[in-house]
Structures are given as structure tokens and as C-alpha cells.
Protein backbone atom coordinates (compact mmCIF):
# COMPACT_ATOMS: atom_id res chain seq x y z
CA MET A 1 21.41 9.39 -6.55
CA SER A 2 23.16 6.27 -5.32
CA GLN A 3 21.38 3.87 -2.99
CA LEU A 4 24.02 4.49 -0.31
CA ASN A 5 23.54 8.26 -0.33
CA TYR A 6 19.78 7.82 -0.46
CA PHE A 7 19.65 6.02 2.87
CA LYS A 8 21.99 8.52 4.51
CA LYS A 9 19.54 11.36 3.94
CA ARG A 10 16.52 10.08 5.90
CA PRO A 11 15.16 12.73 8.28
CA LYS A 12 13.79 11.91 11.69
CA ALA A 13 10.30 10.41 11.44
CA GLU A 14 7.47 11.61 13.66
CA ALA A 15 7.07 9.54 16.82
CA ILE A 16 4.12 7.14 16.97
CA ASP A 17 2.88 4.48 19.39
CA THR A 18 4.52 1.41 17.87
CA ALA A 19 3.07 -0.93 20.51
CA LYS A 20 -0.51 -0.12 19.46
CA TYR A 21 0.49 -0.34 15.78
CA LEU A 22 2.02 -3.80 16.28
CA GLU A 23 -1.08 -4.87 18.19
CA ARG A 24 -3.22 -3.71 15.25
CA ILE A 25 -1.33 -5.97 12.83
CA ARG A 26 -0.87 -8.73 15.44
CA VAL A 27 2.90 -8.84 15.47
CA ASN A 28 5.14 -9.01 18.52
CA HIS A 29 7.98 -6.55 18.99
CA SER A 30 11.43 -7.85 18.05
CA PRO A 31 14.79 -6.27 18.88
CA LYS A 32 16.26 -7.94 15.79
CA LEU A 33 15.64 -5.70 12.79
CA ASP A 34 16.43 -8.25 10.12
CA LEU A 35 14.84 -9.27 6.82
CA LYS A 36 12.75 -11.98 8.48
CA TYR A 37 11.12 -9.46 10.81
CA LEU A 38 10.58 -6.98 7.96
CA LYS A 39 8.80 -9.70 5.97
CA THR A 40 6.64 -10.55 8.98
CA LEU A 41 5.62 -6.91 9.41
CA HIS A 42 4.89 -6.44 5.71
CA ARG A 43 2.71 -9.52 5.33
CA ALA A 44 0.88 -8.90 8.60
CA HIS A 45 0.10 -5.35 7.47
CA LEU A 46 -1.53 -6.66 4.30
CA LEU A 47 -3.49 -9.29 6.23
CA HIS A 48 -4.93 -6.93 8.82
CA ILE A 49 -5.20 -3.49 7.22
CA PHE A 50 -7.44 -3.00 4.18
CA PHE A 51 -6.58 -1.13 1.03
CA GLU A 52 -9.61 1.13 0.50
CA ASN A 53 -10.78 4.43 -0.97
CA LEU A 54 -14.13 4.77 0.82
CA ASP A 55 -13.37 8.16 2.41
CA ILE A 56 -13.11 9.66 -1.07
CA HIS A 57 -16.70 8.61 -1.84
CA TYR A 58 -18.04 9.82 1.50
CA ARG A 59 -16.38 13.23 1.12
CA GLN A 60 -14.05 12.73 4.06
CA PRO A 61 -10.80 14.59 3.25
CA ILE A 62 -7.61 12.54 3.45
CA ILE A 63 -4.95 14.78 4.97
CA LEU A 64 -1.35 13.63 5.02
CA HIS A 65 -0.82 14.29 8.69
CA VAL A 66 0.73 11.37 10.56
CA GLY A 67 -1.44 11.83 13.64
CA GLN A 68 -4.67 11.85 11.65
CA LEU A 69 -3.62 8.86 9.55
CA TYR A 70 -2.71 6.95 12.70
CA GLU A 71 -6.06 7.76 14.32
CA LYS A 72 -7.99 6.52 11.29
CA VAL A 73 -6.06 3.36 10.46
CA ILE A 74 -4.64 2.18 13.78
CA VAL A 75 -7.12 3.48 16.36
CA LYS A 76 -10.37 3.34 14.36
CA LYS A 77 -9.26 0.20 12.48
CA ARG A 78 -9.97 1.48 8.99
CA GLY A 79 -7.83 1.12 5.88
CA GLY A 80 -6.58 3.58 3.30
CA PHE A 81 -4.76 4.01 -0.01
CA CYS A 82 -1.06 4.28 -0.79
CA TYR A 83 -0.31 7.65 0.78
CA GLU A 84 -1.95 6.60 4.03
CA LEU A 85 -0.77 3.00 4.28
CA ASN A 86 2.80 3.32 3.03
CA GLY A 87 3.14 6.63 4.86
CA LEU A 88 2.19 4.94 8.13
CA PHE A 89 4.25 1.81 7.42
CA TYR A 90 7.31 4.00 6.89
CA HIS A 91 6.74 5.63 10.27
CA LEU A 92 6.34 2.24 11.94
CA LEU A 93 9.62 0.98 10.45
CA ALA A 94 11.50 4.19 11.24
CA ASN A 95 10.28 4.24 14.84
CA LEU A 96 11.28 0.59 15.25
CA GLY A 97 14.77 1.50 14.06
CA PHE A 98 14.87 0.25 10.46
CA ASN A 99 16.96 2.21 7.96
CA CYS A 100 14.16 3.26 5.63
CA ARG A 101 12.99 6.05 3.34
CA LEU A 102 9.90 7.20 1.49
CA GLY A 103 9.98 6.96 -2.30
CA SER A 104 7.93 8.17 -5.25
CA ALA A 105 6.78 5.77 -7.98
CA GLU A 106 5.21 6.39 -11.38
CA VAL A 107 2.59 3.79 -12.32
CA PHE A 108 2.53 2.19 -15.78
CA GLN A 109 -0.83 2.96 -17.43
CA LYS A 110 -3.04 1.34 -20.07
CA ASP A 111 -1.83 3.78 -22.73
CA GLU A 112 1.73 2.53 -22.02
CA THR A 113 2.84 5.79 -20.45
CA PHE A 114 3.82 6.41 -16.84
CA SER A 115 1.79 8.48 -14.41
CA PRO A 116 3.30 11.68 -12.91
CA ALA A 117 5.81 11.70 -10.08
CA PHE A 118 4.32 11.20 -6.60
CA ASP A 119 1.41 9.27 -8.10
CA HIS A 120 2.30 6.34 -5.84
CA MET A 121 4.18 6.16 -2.56
CA VAL A 122 6.56 3.31 -1.67
CA VAL A 123 9.03 2.56 1.12
CA PHE A 124 12.68 1.56 0.70
CA VAL A 125 14.53 -0.33 3.43
CA GLU A 126 18.25 -1.09 3.65
CA ILE A 127 19.34 -4.23 5.53
CA GLU A 128 22.97 -5.39 5.59
CA GLY A 129 23.84 -3.26 2.57
CA LYS A 130 20.95 -4.56 0.43
CA SER A 131 17.97 -2.45 -0.67
CA TYR A 132 14.39 -3.71 -0.45
CA LEU A 133 11.11 -2.36 -1.78
CA CYS A 134 8.12 -2.37 0.57
CA ASP A 135 4.61 -1.60 -0.65
CA VAL A 136 1.55 -2.20 1.54
CA GLY A 137 -0.52 0.34 -0.37
CA PHE A 138 -0.91 -0.82 -3.97
CA GLY A 139 -4.02 -2.93 -3.50
CA GLU A 140 -2.73 -6.23 -4.85
CA LEU A 141 0.99 -6.81 -5.26
CA PHE A 142 3.69 -8.83 -3.49
CA SER A 143 3.09 -10.05 0.07
CA VAL A 144 6.65 -9.58 1.36
CA PRO A 145 9.37 -7.00 0.53
CA LYS A 146 11.38 -7.54 -2.63
CA ARG A 147 15.12 -7.06 -2.95
CA ILE A 148 15.81 -4.46 -5.64
CA SER A 149 17.70 -6.75 -8.00
CA PRO A 150 17.36 -8.09 -11.58
CA ASP A 151 16.96 -11.63 -10.23
CA PRO A 152 13.38 -13.06 -10.43
CA GLN A 153 11.67 -13.44 -7.03
CA LEU A 154 8.63 -15.69 -6.59
CA ASP A 155 5.87 -14.42 -4.30
CA LEU A 156 2.92 -16.82 -3.93
CA THR A 157 2.06 -17.41 -7.62
CA THR A 158 3.69 -14.32 -9.14
CA TYR A 159 7.29 -13.56 -10.11
CA TYR A 160 8.78 -10.10 -9.63
CA ARG A 161 12.01 -8.58 -10.89
CA PHE A 162 13.60 -5.15 -11.35
CA GLU A 163 15.19 -3.68 -14.45
CA LYS A 164 16.96 -0.36 -14.99
CA ASP A 165 15.72 1.98 -17.71
CA PRO A 166 18.01 4.28 -19.79
CA ASP A 167 17.65 7.02 -17.14
CA GLU A 168 18.89 4.71 -14.37
CA ARG A 169 15.44 4.39 -12.79
CA TRP A 170 14.37 1.02 -11.46
CA VAL A 171 11.34 -0.58 -13.12
CA LEU A 172 9.28 -3.15 -11.20
CA LYS A 173 7.87 -5.93 -13.37
CA LYS A 174 5.71 -8.98 -12.65
CA SER A 175 4.97 -12.28 -14.40
CA GLN A 176 2.85 -15.36 -13.91
CA ASP A 177 5.27 -17.67 -15.74
CA ASN A 178 8.72 -16.03 -15.27
CA SER A 179 8.78 -15.48 -19.02
CA TYR A 180 6.46 -12.64 -20.06
CA TYR A 181 6.80 -9.70 -17.68
CA GLN A 182 4.42 -6.75 -17.32
CA THR A 183 5.55 -3.35 -16.06
CA VAL A 184 4.02 -2.21 -12.75
CA TYR A 185 5.80 1.07 -11.94
CA ARG A 186 9.18 2.78 -11.93
CA PHE A 187 11.11 4.71 -9.30
CA ALA A 188 14.43 6.35 -8.48
CA PHE A 189 16.38 6.58 -5.23
CA GLN A 190 15.53 10.23 -4.63
CA PRO A 191 14.79 11.47 -1.09
CA HIS A 192 11.19 12.59 -0.54
CA GLU A 193 9.04 13.93 2.26
CA LEU A 194 5.40 13.16 3.06
CA ILE A 195 4.45 16.74 2.22
CA GLU A 196 5.60 16.32 -1.39
CA PHE A 197 2.81 13.82 -2.05
CA ILE A 198 0.00 16.22 -1.08
CA PRO A 199 -0.84 17.51 -4.61
CA ARG A 200 -1.28 14.00 -6.08
CA CYS A 201 -3.12 12.86 -2.96
CA GLU A 202 -5.61 15.69 -3.49
CA PHE A 203 -5.83 14.89 -7.22
CA HIS A 204 -6.86 11.32 -6.48
CA GLN A 205 -9.54 12.54 -4.09
CA LYS A 206 -11.11 15.17 -6.33
CA SER A 207 -10.39 14.56 -10.02
CA SER A 208 -12.72 12.60 -12.28
CA ALA A 209 -9.56 11.53 -14.12
CA SER A 210 -8.48 9.49 -11.10
CA HIS A 211 -9.59 5.87 -10.96
CA PHE A 212 -10.13 6.28 -7.22
CA THR A 213 -13.09 8.62 -7.77
CA ARG A 214 -14.85 6.30 -10.22
CA GLN A 215 -15.87 3.49 -7.89
CA LYS A 216 -15.68 2.40 -4.28
CA LEU A 217 -13.01 -0.20 -3.53
CA ILE A 218 -11.90 -2.16 -0.50
CA THR A 219 -9.66 -5.24 -0.62
CA VAL A 220 -7.60 -7.34 1.76
CA LEU A 221 -5.15 -10.23 1.60
CA THR A 222 -6.27 -13.32 3.54
CA PRO A 223 -4.45 -16.57 4.41
CA GLU A 224 -6.60 -18.25 1.72
CA GLY A 225 -6.30 -15.56 -0.97
CA ARG A 226 -8.01 -12.19 -1.33
CA ILE A 227 -11.41 -10.55 -0.79
CA THR A 228 -12.38 -7.49 -2.85
CA LEU A 229 -15.54 -5.40 -2.76
CA THR A 230 -16.54 -2.57 -5.10
CA ASP A 231 -19.91 -0.90 -5.54
CA ARG A 232 -20.36 -3.21 -8.53
CA LYS A 233 -19.16 -6.64 -7.41
CA LEU A 234 -17.85 -8.84 -4.62
CA ILE A 235 -14.82 -10.91 -5.65
CA LEU A 236 -13.72 -13.88 -3.56
CA ASN A 237 -10.39 -15.34 -4.63
CA LEU A 238 -9.91 -18.09 -2.07
CA LYS A 239 -7.99 -21.37 -2.13
CA GLY A 240 -7.32 -21.02 -5.85
CA GLU A 241 -10.97 -20.48 -6.79
CA ARG A 242 -12.36 -17.14 -7.95
CA THR A 243 -16.05 -16.23 -7.67
CA GLU A 244 -17.79 -12.96 -8.47
CA HIS A 245 -21.14 -11.71 -7.22
CA ALA A 246 -22.83 -8.66 -8.76
CA ILE A 247 -23.88 -5.96 -6.30
CA GLN A 248 -27.53 -5.11 -6.93
CA ASN A 249 -27.97 -2.09 -4.68
CA GLN A 250 -26.44 0.03 -1.92
CA ASP A 251 -27.93 -2.12 0.85
CA GLU A 252 -26.18 -5.20 -0.52
CA PHE A 253 -22.90 -3.28 -0.65
CA TYR A 254 -23.23 -2.31 3.01
CA THR A 255 -24.11 -5.88 3.99
CA HIS A 256 -20.95 -7.26 2.37
CA LEU A 257 -18.87 -4.38 3.76
CA LYS A 258 -19.92 -5.29 7.29
CA ASP A 259 -19.70 -9.07 6.83
CA TYR A 260 -16.26 -9.16 5.19
CA PHE A 261 -14.56 -6.00 6.48
CA GLY A 262 -16.37 -5.12 9.70
CA ILE A 263 -17.21 -1.57 8.54
CA THR A 264 -20.81 -0.40 8.96
CA GLU A 265 -22.89 2.08 7.01
CA THR A 266 -23.31 4.08 10.22
CA GLN A 267 -19.54 4.48 10.58
CA LEU A 268 -19.18 5.88 7.08
CA LEU A 269 -22.18 8.19 7.23
CA ARG A 270 -21.27 9.47 10.69
CA GLN A 271 -17.97 10.74 9.29
CA GLN A 272 -19.88 13.17 7.08
CA LEU A 273 -21.47 14.70 10.16
CA ASP A 274 -18.30 15.00 12.27
């Protein structure tokens, strides 16, 4: 499907409270829906909303219902994984008036194969006839949207570019030196609905084959770098210096979770009782 036809087929997104959403990511409303504002929204989202899979480990079902996702992430100030974060970001952009669409991506794996369709959710935005990839739900990737083009694009310390495969799908690649590029994922401009992602969303919550079920993870971009916490280690990548601290027990995990992310043990355990 051509990019032009792709953007013509976007259905009406569910209405959400954009004022509260913008307040959550600390961005003012702008009537000018240009690339500068899109970049501001994208980076602010990464700075203020965590990528995390904690609900999976506390047996709290993740249901792809816009109202429930909004309540969790915007009202209760939690984070989420790709289906939650990119699903919400799409609804924010659509309600603001951007020409945008949900997309399905297949992630490149260690065995050099691609994961199934709908394994990852992304958002495409068209501005002045140019297509951009948004992704606030991958964990650690680019900080601002990338134009879908073969030209290298530098983002902080990493280069990104897009190539087409023999089946006309776009392949996102990244590099630290603009020479050797690693594949991240591939996608096509095919219209998709939130409901189509439900089977893979459930897989990642329940299957031992999913990396999300193997360990707890929460991470966030900061102005100085990135903070990541798992049930095994705390990683501080700040001002160009990386330090790792082993997590000795559950109490230490909860201490770091509260100190760095503002989430308490009581909040997580209470969910199991609700």
C-alpha cells in the first residue's frame, strides 16, 4: 500500500482529554501541528512516561481499551509497554489533529529472524507530504520522530536510517558510527486497528517465550541519559557514564523503584486486590 493511501484510511480515534495528557508530559497546547511540535511531544513523552512491564509480573491484565490505558498511564501516572504507550500516543496525536496511523512492526531477533506481525506497535505521522515514524514504546530508541527515508539521521549519539527490503517493507536500522548498521525492526504501510494487536499483547503477558515475562523492567529517558531498573540490576547511564548496581533482594528493588520512578510496593500490590 502506498504511503498516500495509507494516511487516507485512518478511522476516527476515540476521544480523550488531551489537556490532561499534555499536562502529564508537561507540554503546552499548540495550534501549529508541525514537525517541531511533533518532536516536542515525542521527546516529552519519553522523558515523563516510563517504559515498563510491571503489571505483567503482578498479574494485572493489560487490556487494549483506550479508557483503561488512559486511566493507568495518564491519571495514575504509571508507564507501560508498546501497545499501551504507542496506542495512547496515537490517540493524543489524532485528537490534536495530526494526520497519523497505527502500524505493525516485526522486531529483528537474535536468531536473525523477524518476530510475527503485531509484535510491536508504532505510529506513523504525515506532515507536509513527508512520512515520519514515531515510537515511544520500544524502551530505548530514538528520542524524536524519524523521517522514513534512506538518509542517515543522527539522534543523540546514534544514527538511524531506513532501507526497503525485496518485499517493499521498510527496515529501520541503527548505528553508532554511521558505518555498521544493525537491524531494529521492519514494517509496511498497512492500515491497522488497536484490536488487531490483542493476540500478541496477550502473548507477551502470558507466554514464557516472551522476554517480558522473564524479568521486571522499567526505564526512562532523562535529560542526562537513561535510568533502567530490572529485578537484577539498576543501570544509571548519565552524562556519558554508565554504572550498574546488582539488586540483592526484593526490598532493594522496591527502594530503587520508589526513589527513581516514584512507584511504591503498596501501589503494585494493591492492584492485585482491586
